[in-house]
């Protein structure tokens, strides 16, 4: 699927419950129109991976995902050899090594990993290289050929050029700085925690059965929590879990003295929970004083 305008693409994503504002939608639209890899950066939990997944669905392309981690190498990301099959071939022939060594490294024994799968795919795909910042600089440098020329080189086989150009999405949580060389080959899209109105819209789309008052209350509460000096700020997915938890507890509003236990769905570190619990006492006291002053 190709879109004629950013608005058309944004509306398609909304059908998959992914809300993207006009500025960011225009950036993504241009990356796709110019067939450039898109590097999506931002803190964990702001919807970087979900954007790639939604894009694959609306474009009706298969998704090929490479999850990055420390120590990721070419054998896991691009290709490997079927050593068992090669051994069987060696055992089944009487020829000398010089006569069969080239035969052992033909495509029959090649195992395509995610990057090569995307290059060789006869149908257009979305290639998601997720959390690139978790890999090392050597692997990042290895990606430059793919990102710049949509091709990869295998020493024993030569260069493979993309049969159909994939949509390439890279994500980074900014745990380390990516190289200038990689950035030059990509269009940068920054995602951050959503505005209050956008988060309300997202939660209403995800939870149409939950009352607007509770959703709006939760979003205002989460916005306050994100201003605290926490180790990990709550993501949108955690806001969704939190509002669902309060719904299960039959709460219609966010009541500071009734959040015990439910906060564990919003925050993931004990230290953060303790900080918030202490701050809740202050907020509760301020709220009480506010009510008294009105009386």
Protein backbone atom coordinates (compact mmCIF):
# COMPACT_ATOMS: atom_id res chain seq x y z
CA UNK A 1 0.00 0.00 0.00
CA UNK A 2 1.19 3.50 -0.86
CA UNK A 3 -0.36 6.62 0.62
CA UNK A 4 -0.90 9.86 -1.29
CA UNK A 5 -0.47 12.14 1.73
CA UNK A 6 0.58 12.12 5.38
CA UNK A 7 -3.06 12.57 6.42
CA UNK A 8 -4.07 9.44 4.53
CA UNK A 9 -1.31 7.45 6.22
CA UNK A 10 -2.18 8.83 9.68
CA UNK A 11 -5.82 7.85 9.17
CA UNK A 12 -4.76 4.33 8.19
CA UNK A 13 -2.71 4.01 11.37
CA UNK A 14 -5.66 5.26 13.43
CA UNK A 15 -7.68 2.33 12.12
CA UNK A 16 -5.11 0.16 13.90
CA UNK A 17 -5.52 2.28 17.06
CA UNK A 18 -2.16 3.97 16.62
CA UNK A 19 -2.40 7.75 17.07
CA UNK A 20 0.30 9.82 15.38
CA UNK A 21 0.27 13.62 15.20
CA UNK A 22 0.61 15.50 11.91
CA UNK A 23 4.27 16.50 12.33
CA UNK A 24 5.49 12.99 13.16
CA UNK A 25 3.16 11.49 10.57
CA UNK A 26 4.67 13.75 7.90
CA UNK A 27 8.18 12.65 8.85
CA UNK A 28 7.26 8.98 8.62
CA UNK A 29 5.39 9.53 5.35
CA UNK A 30 8.45 11.17 3.79
CA UNK A 31 10.74 8.35 4.95
CA UNK A 32 8.45 5.84 3.27
CA UNK A 33 7.95 7.92 0.11
CA UNK A 34 11.72 8.41 -0.31
CA UNK A 35 12.38 4.74 0.55
CA UNK A 36 14.72 5.70 3.39
CA UNK A 37 15.19 3.74 6.63
CA UNK A 38 13.41 5.41 9.56
CA UNK A 39 15.22 5.62 12.91
CA UNK A 40 12.68 6.00 15.72
CA UNK A 41 14.21 7.24 18.97
CA UNK A 42 12.68 7.86 22.36
CA UNK A 43 12.35 6.49 25.89
CA UNK A 44 11.11 2.95 26.46
CA UNK A 45 7.38 2.51 26.27
CA UNK A 46 6.40 5.42 24.02
CA UNK A 47 5.23 3.21 21.14
CA UNK A 48 8.26 2.86 18.87
CA UNK A 49 7.89 -0.87 18.28
CA UNK A 50 4.11 -0.60 18.18
CA UNK A 51 4.40 1.93 15.36
CA UNK A 52 6.39 -0.57 13.27
CA UNK A 53 3.84 -3.31 14.00
CA UNK A 54 0.92 -1.04 13.09
CA UNK A 55 2.71 0.03 9.91
CA UNK A 56 3.16 -3.60 8.87
CA UNK A 57 -0.55 -4.25 9.39
CA UNK A 58 -1.82 -1.21 7.49
CA UNK A 59 0.65 -1.70 4.62
CA UNK A 60 -0.30 -5.40 4.51
CA UNK A 61 3.36 -6.41 4.56
CA UNK A 62 4.83 -9.32 6.53
CA UNK A 63 6.94 -8.20 9.49
CA UNK A 64 10.51 -9.47 9.89
CA UNK A 65 11.89 -8.53 13.29
CA UNK A 66 15.48 -8.52 14.52
CA UNK A 67 15.68 -8.01 18.28
CA UNK A 68 19.06 -6.52 19.12
CA UNK A 69 21.10 -7.37 22.21
CA UNK A 70 24.65 -7.11 23.44
CA UNK A 71 26.89 -9.51 21.50
CA UNK A 72 24.58 -9.81 18.48
CA UNK A 73 26.67 -10.89 15.50
CA UNK A 74 26.37 -11.56 11.77
CA UNK A 75 25.59 -15.26 12.27
CA UNK A 76 22.46 -14.38 14.26
CA UNK A 77 21.40 -11.34 12.22
CA UNK A 78 22.33 -12.05 8.58
CA UNK A 79 23.26 -15.65 7.77
CA UNK A 80 24.78 -18.87 8.96
CA UNK A 81 25.69 -22.21 7.41
CA UNK A 82 23.85 -25.46 7.91
CA UNK A 83 26.84 -27.30 9.35
CA UNK A 84 24.99 -30.58 9.87
CA UNK A 85 23.93 -30.67 6.23
CA UNK A 86 27.47 -29.78 5.13
CA UNK A 87 28.86 -32.64 7.23
CA UNK A 88 26.42 -35.06 5.65
CA UNK A 89 27.56 -33.90 2.21
CA UNK A 90 31.21 -34.47 3.17
CA UNK A 91 30.42 -37.97 4.36
CA UNK A 92 28.45 -38.87 1.24
CA UNK A 93 31.11 -38.13 -1.40
CA UNK A 94 34.52 -39.59 -2.19
CA UNK A 95 35.98 -36.45 -3.78
CA UNK A 96 38.85 -34.54 -2.23
CA UNK A 97 38.48 -31.27 -0.33
CA UNK A 98 39.58 -29.10 -3.24
CA UNK A 99 36.82 -30.55 -5.42
CA UNK A 100 33.93 -30.09 -2.98
CA UNK A 101 34.86 -27.03 -0.86
CA UNK A 102 33.07 -24.59 -3.18
CA UNK A 103 30.01 -26.83 -3.30
CA UNK A 104 29.75 -26.73 0.50
CA UNK A 105 29.24 -22.96 0.46
CA UNK A 106 26.47 -22.64 -2.09
CA UNK A 107 22.96 -21.41 -1.34
CA UNK A 108 21.74 -24.93 -0.61
CA UNK A 109 23.55 -24.77 2.76
CA UNK A 110 22.84 -21.11 3.50
CA UNK A 111 20.60 -20.31 6.50
CA UNK A 112 18.98 -16.90 6.06
CA UNK A 113 18.60 -14.89 9.26
CA UNK A 114 16.25 -11.84 9.55
CA UNK A 115 18.34 -9.34 7.55
CA UNK A 116 18.95 -11.73 4.67
CA UNK A 117 15.32 -12.88 4.78
CA UNK A 118 14.23 -9.27 4.22
CA UNK A 119 16.66 -8.84 1.32
CA UNK A 120 15.68 -12.12 -0.38
CA UNK A 121 11.93 -11.82 0.18
CA UNK A 122 10.04 -11.85 -3.14
CA UNK A 123 7.26 -9.78 -1.54
CA UNK A 124 7.70 -6.39 0.16
CA UNK A 125 8.20 -6.64 3.94
CA UNK A 126 8.66 -4.41 6.96
CA UNK A 127 12.07 -5.02 8.53
CA UNK A 128 12.12 -4.00 12.20
CA UNK A 129 15.58 -3.70 13.76
CA UNK A 130 14.46 -3.27 17.36
CA UNK A 131 16.47 -1.60 20.15
CA UNK A 132 19.58 -1.09 18.04
CA UNK A 133 21.28 0.75 20.90
CA UNK A 134 21.57 -2.56 22.78
CA UNK A 135 23.96 -3.93 20.15
CA UNK A 136 27.60 -2.88 19.90
CA UNK A 137 29.24 -0.42 17.51
CA UNK A 138 30.72 -3.19 15.36
CA UNK A 139 27.25 -4.52 14.54
CA UNK A 140 26.01 -1.00 13.88
CA UNK A 141 28.80 -0.51 11.34
CA UNK A 142 27.87 -3.80 9.69
CA UNK A 143 24.36 -2.42 9.02
CA UNK A 144 25.59 0.52 6.94
CA UNK A 145 25.62 -1.38 3.64
CA UNK A 146 22.06 -2.57 4.17
CA UNK A 147 20.76 0.85 5.21
CA UNK A 148 22.51 2.77 2.46
CA UNK A 149 22.23 0.43 -0.52
CA UNK A 150 19.62 -2.18 0.44
CA UNK A 151 22.13 -4.94 -0.09
CA UNK A 152 24.30 -7.27 1.99
CA UNK A 153 27.56 -9.06 1.27
CA UNK A 154 28.37 -12.64 2.22
CA UNK A 155 32.08 -13.45 1.68
CA UNK A 156 31.47 -16.94 0.29
CA UNK A 157 28.55 -15.89 -1.91
CA UNK A 158 29.03 -12.26 -2.91
CA UNK A 159 26.50 -9.42 -2.78
CA UNK A 160 22.75 -9.88 -2.49
CA UNK A 161 20.61 -6.91 -3.52
CA UNK A 162 17.05 -6.51 -2.31
CA UNK A 163 14.54 -8.28 -4.53
CA UNK A 164 11.89 -5.81 -3.29
CA UNK A 165 12.83 -2.86 -1.12
CA UNK A 166 11.74 -3.42 2.46
CA UNK A 167 10.40 -0.71 4.73
CA UNK A 168 13.20 -0.51 7.31
CA UNK A 169 12.37 0.69 10.82
CA UNK A 170 15.08 0.97 13.48
CA UNK A 171 14.30 1.77 17.10
CA UNK A 172 16.54 3.07 19.88
CA UNK A 173 15.92 3.84 23.56
CA UNK A 174 18.93 6.20 23.57
CA UNK A 175 20.94 4.07 26.00
CA UNK A 176 23.99 4.88 23.86
CA UNK A 177 24.73 7.34 21.07
CA UNK A 178 24.43 5.97 17.54
CA UNK A 179 27.03 6.85 14.92
CA UNK A 180 26.85 9.75 12.47
CA UNK A 181 27.29 7.29 9.59
CA UNK A 182 24.15 5.41 10.57
CA UNK A 183 22.16 8.59 11.15
CA UNK A 184 23.08 9.92 7.70
CA UNK A 185 21.40 6.91 6.14
CA UNK A 186 18.15 7.29 8.07
CA UNK A 187 15.28 9.68 8.59
CA UNK A 188 15.00 10.51 12.30
CA UNK A 189 11.62 10.30 14.03
CA UNK A 190 11.53 11.23 17.72
CA UNK A 191 8.76 9.87 19.91
CA UNK A 192 8.15 11.04 23.45
CA UNK A 193 5.48 10.51 26.08
CA UNK A 194 2.17 11.71 24.63
CA UNK A 195 0.45 14.94 25.57
CA UNK A 196 -2.43 14.69 28.02
CA UNK A 197 -5.08 14.95 25.29
CA UNK A 198 -3.33 12.39 23.08
CA UNK A 199 -2.99 9.91 25.93
CA UNK A 200 -6.66 10.32 26.80
CA UNK A 201 -7.52 9.57 23.17
CA UNK A 202 -5.29 6.49 23.15
CA UNK A 203 -6.74 5.08 26.38
CA UNK A 204 -10.30 5.68 25.20
CA UNK A 205 -9.58 3.82 21.95
CA UNK A 206 -7.97 0.93 23.82
CA UNK A 207 -10.66 0.78 26.53
CA UNK A 208 -14.00 1.86 25.06
CA UNK A 209 -15.83 0.09 27.89
CA UNK A 210 -14.19 2.26 30.61
CA UNK A 211 -15.82 5.56 31.56
CA UNK A 212 -14.31 8.82 30.31
CA UNK A 213 -14.06 10.26 33.82
CA UNK A 214 -11.78 7.47 35.07
CA UNK A 215 -9.62 7.56 31.92
CA UNK A 216 -9.15 11.33 32.12
CA UNK A 217 -8.38 11.10 35.84
CA UNK A 218 -5.77 8.38 35.24
CA UNK A 219 -4.09 10.36 32.45
CA UNK A 220 -3.82 13.47 34.65
CA UNK A 221 -2.41 11.33 37.47
CA UNK A 222 0.14 9.64 35.18
CA UNK A 223 1.20 13.05 33.82
CA UNK A 224 2.00 14.11 37.40
CA UNK A 225 3.89 10.89 38.07
CA UNK A 226 6.07 11.45 34.99
CA UNK A 227 7.33 14.71 36.51
CA UNK A 228 8.90 12.81 39.41
CA UNK A 229 12.61 11.80 39.40
CA UNK A 230 11.96 8.11 38.83
CA UNK A 231 14.24 5.40 37.46
CA UNK A 232 11.63 4.47 34.85
CA UNK A 233 8.70 6.71 33.99
CA UNK A 234 5.40 4.95 33.25
CA UNK A 235 4.78 4.20 29.58
CA UNK A 236 1.48 4.36 27.71
CA UNK A 237 1.12 0.58 27.96
CA UNK A 238 1.48 0.88 31.74
CA UNK A 239 -1.16 3.63 31.79
CA UNK A 240 -3.47 1.21 30.00
CA UNK A 241 -2.74 -1.53 32.56
CA UNK A 242 -3.30 0.94 35.40
CA UNK A 243 -6.69 2.18 34.20
CA UNK A 244 -7.80 -1.41 33.62
CA UNK A 245 -6.71 -2.30 37.15
CA UNK A 246 -8.76 0.53 38.64
CA UNK A 247 -11.72 -0.60 36.56
CA UNK A 248 -11.37 -4.13 37.97
CA UNK A 249 -11.29 -2.60 41.46
CA UNK A 250 -14.52 -0.76 40.58
CA UNK A 251 -12.99 2.67 41.12
CA UNK A 252 -14.55 5.57 39.26
CA UNK A 253 -11.85 8.13 40.10
CA UNK A 254 -8.21 8.15 41.15
CA UNK A 255 -8.36 8.27 44.95
CA UNK A 256 -4.89 8.64 46.46
CA UNK A 257 -5.76 6.56 49.53
CA UNK A 258 -7.10 3.64 47.44
CA UNK A 259 -4.16 2.98 45.13
CA UNK A 260 -2.25 0.49 47.26
CA UNK A 261 -1.39 -2.55 45.15
CA UNK A 262 -2.55 -0.97 41.89
CA UNK A 263 0.57 1.21 41.65
CA UNK A 264 2.60 -1.92 40.89
CA UNK A 265 1.02 -1.96 37.43
CA UNK A 266 2.24 1.58 36.82
CA UNK A 267 5.79 1.44 38.19
CA UNK A 268 8.30 -1.40 37.91
CA UNK A 269 11.04 -0.63 40.44
CA UNK A 270 10.70 -0.79 44.26
CA UNK A 271 12.53 2.51 44.67
CA UNK A 272 10.12 4.24 42.31
CA UNK A 273 7.15 2.80 44.17
CA UNK A 274 8.48 4.11 47.49
CA UNK A 275 9.04 7.57 46.02
CA UNK A 276 5.53 7.71 44.63
CA UNK A 277 3.96 6.43 47.83
CA UNK A 278 5.73 9.21 49.76
CA UNK A 279 4.64 11.79 47.21
CA UNK A 280 1.04 10.54 47.40
CA UNK A 281 0.98 11.49 51.08
CA UNK A 282 1.96 15.04 50.13
CA UNK A 283 -0.59 15.20 47.31
CA UNK A 284 -3.29 13.83 49.59
CA UNK A 285 -2.48 16.45 52.24
CA UNK A 286 -2.51 19.23 49.63
CA UNK A 287 -5.85 17.99 48.34
CA UNK A 288 -7.31 17.96 51.84
CA UNK A 289 -6.14 21.51 52.51
CA UNK A 290 -7.59 22.62 49.18
CA UNK A 291 -10.99 21.23 50.11
CA UNK A 292 -10.83 22.88 53.52
CA UNK A 293 -10.04 26.27 52.00
CA UNK A 294 -13.06 25.97 49.71
CA UNK A 295 -15.29 25.28 52.69
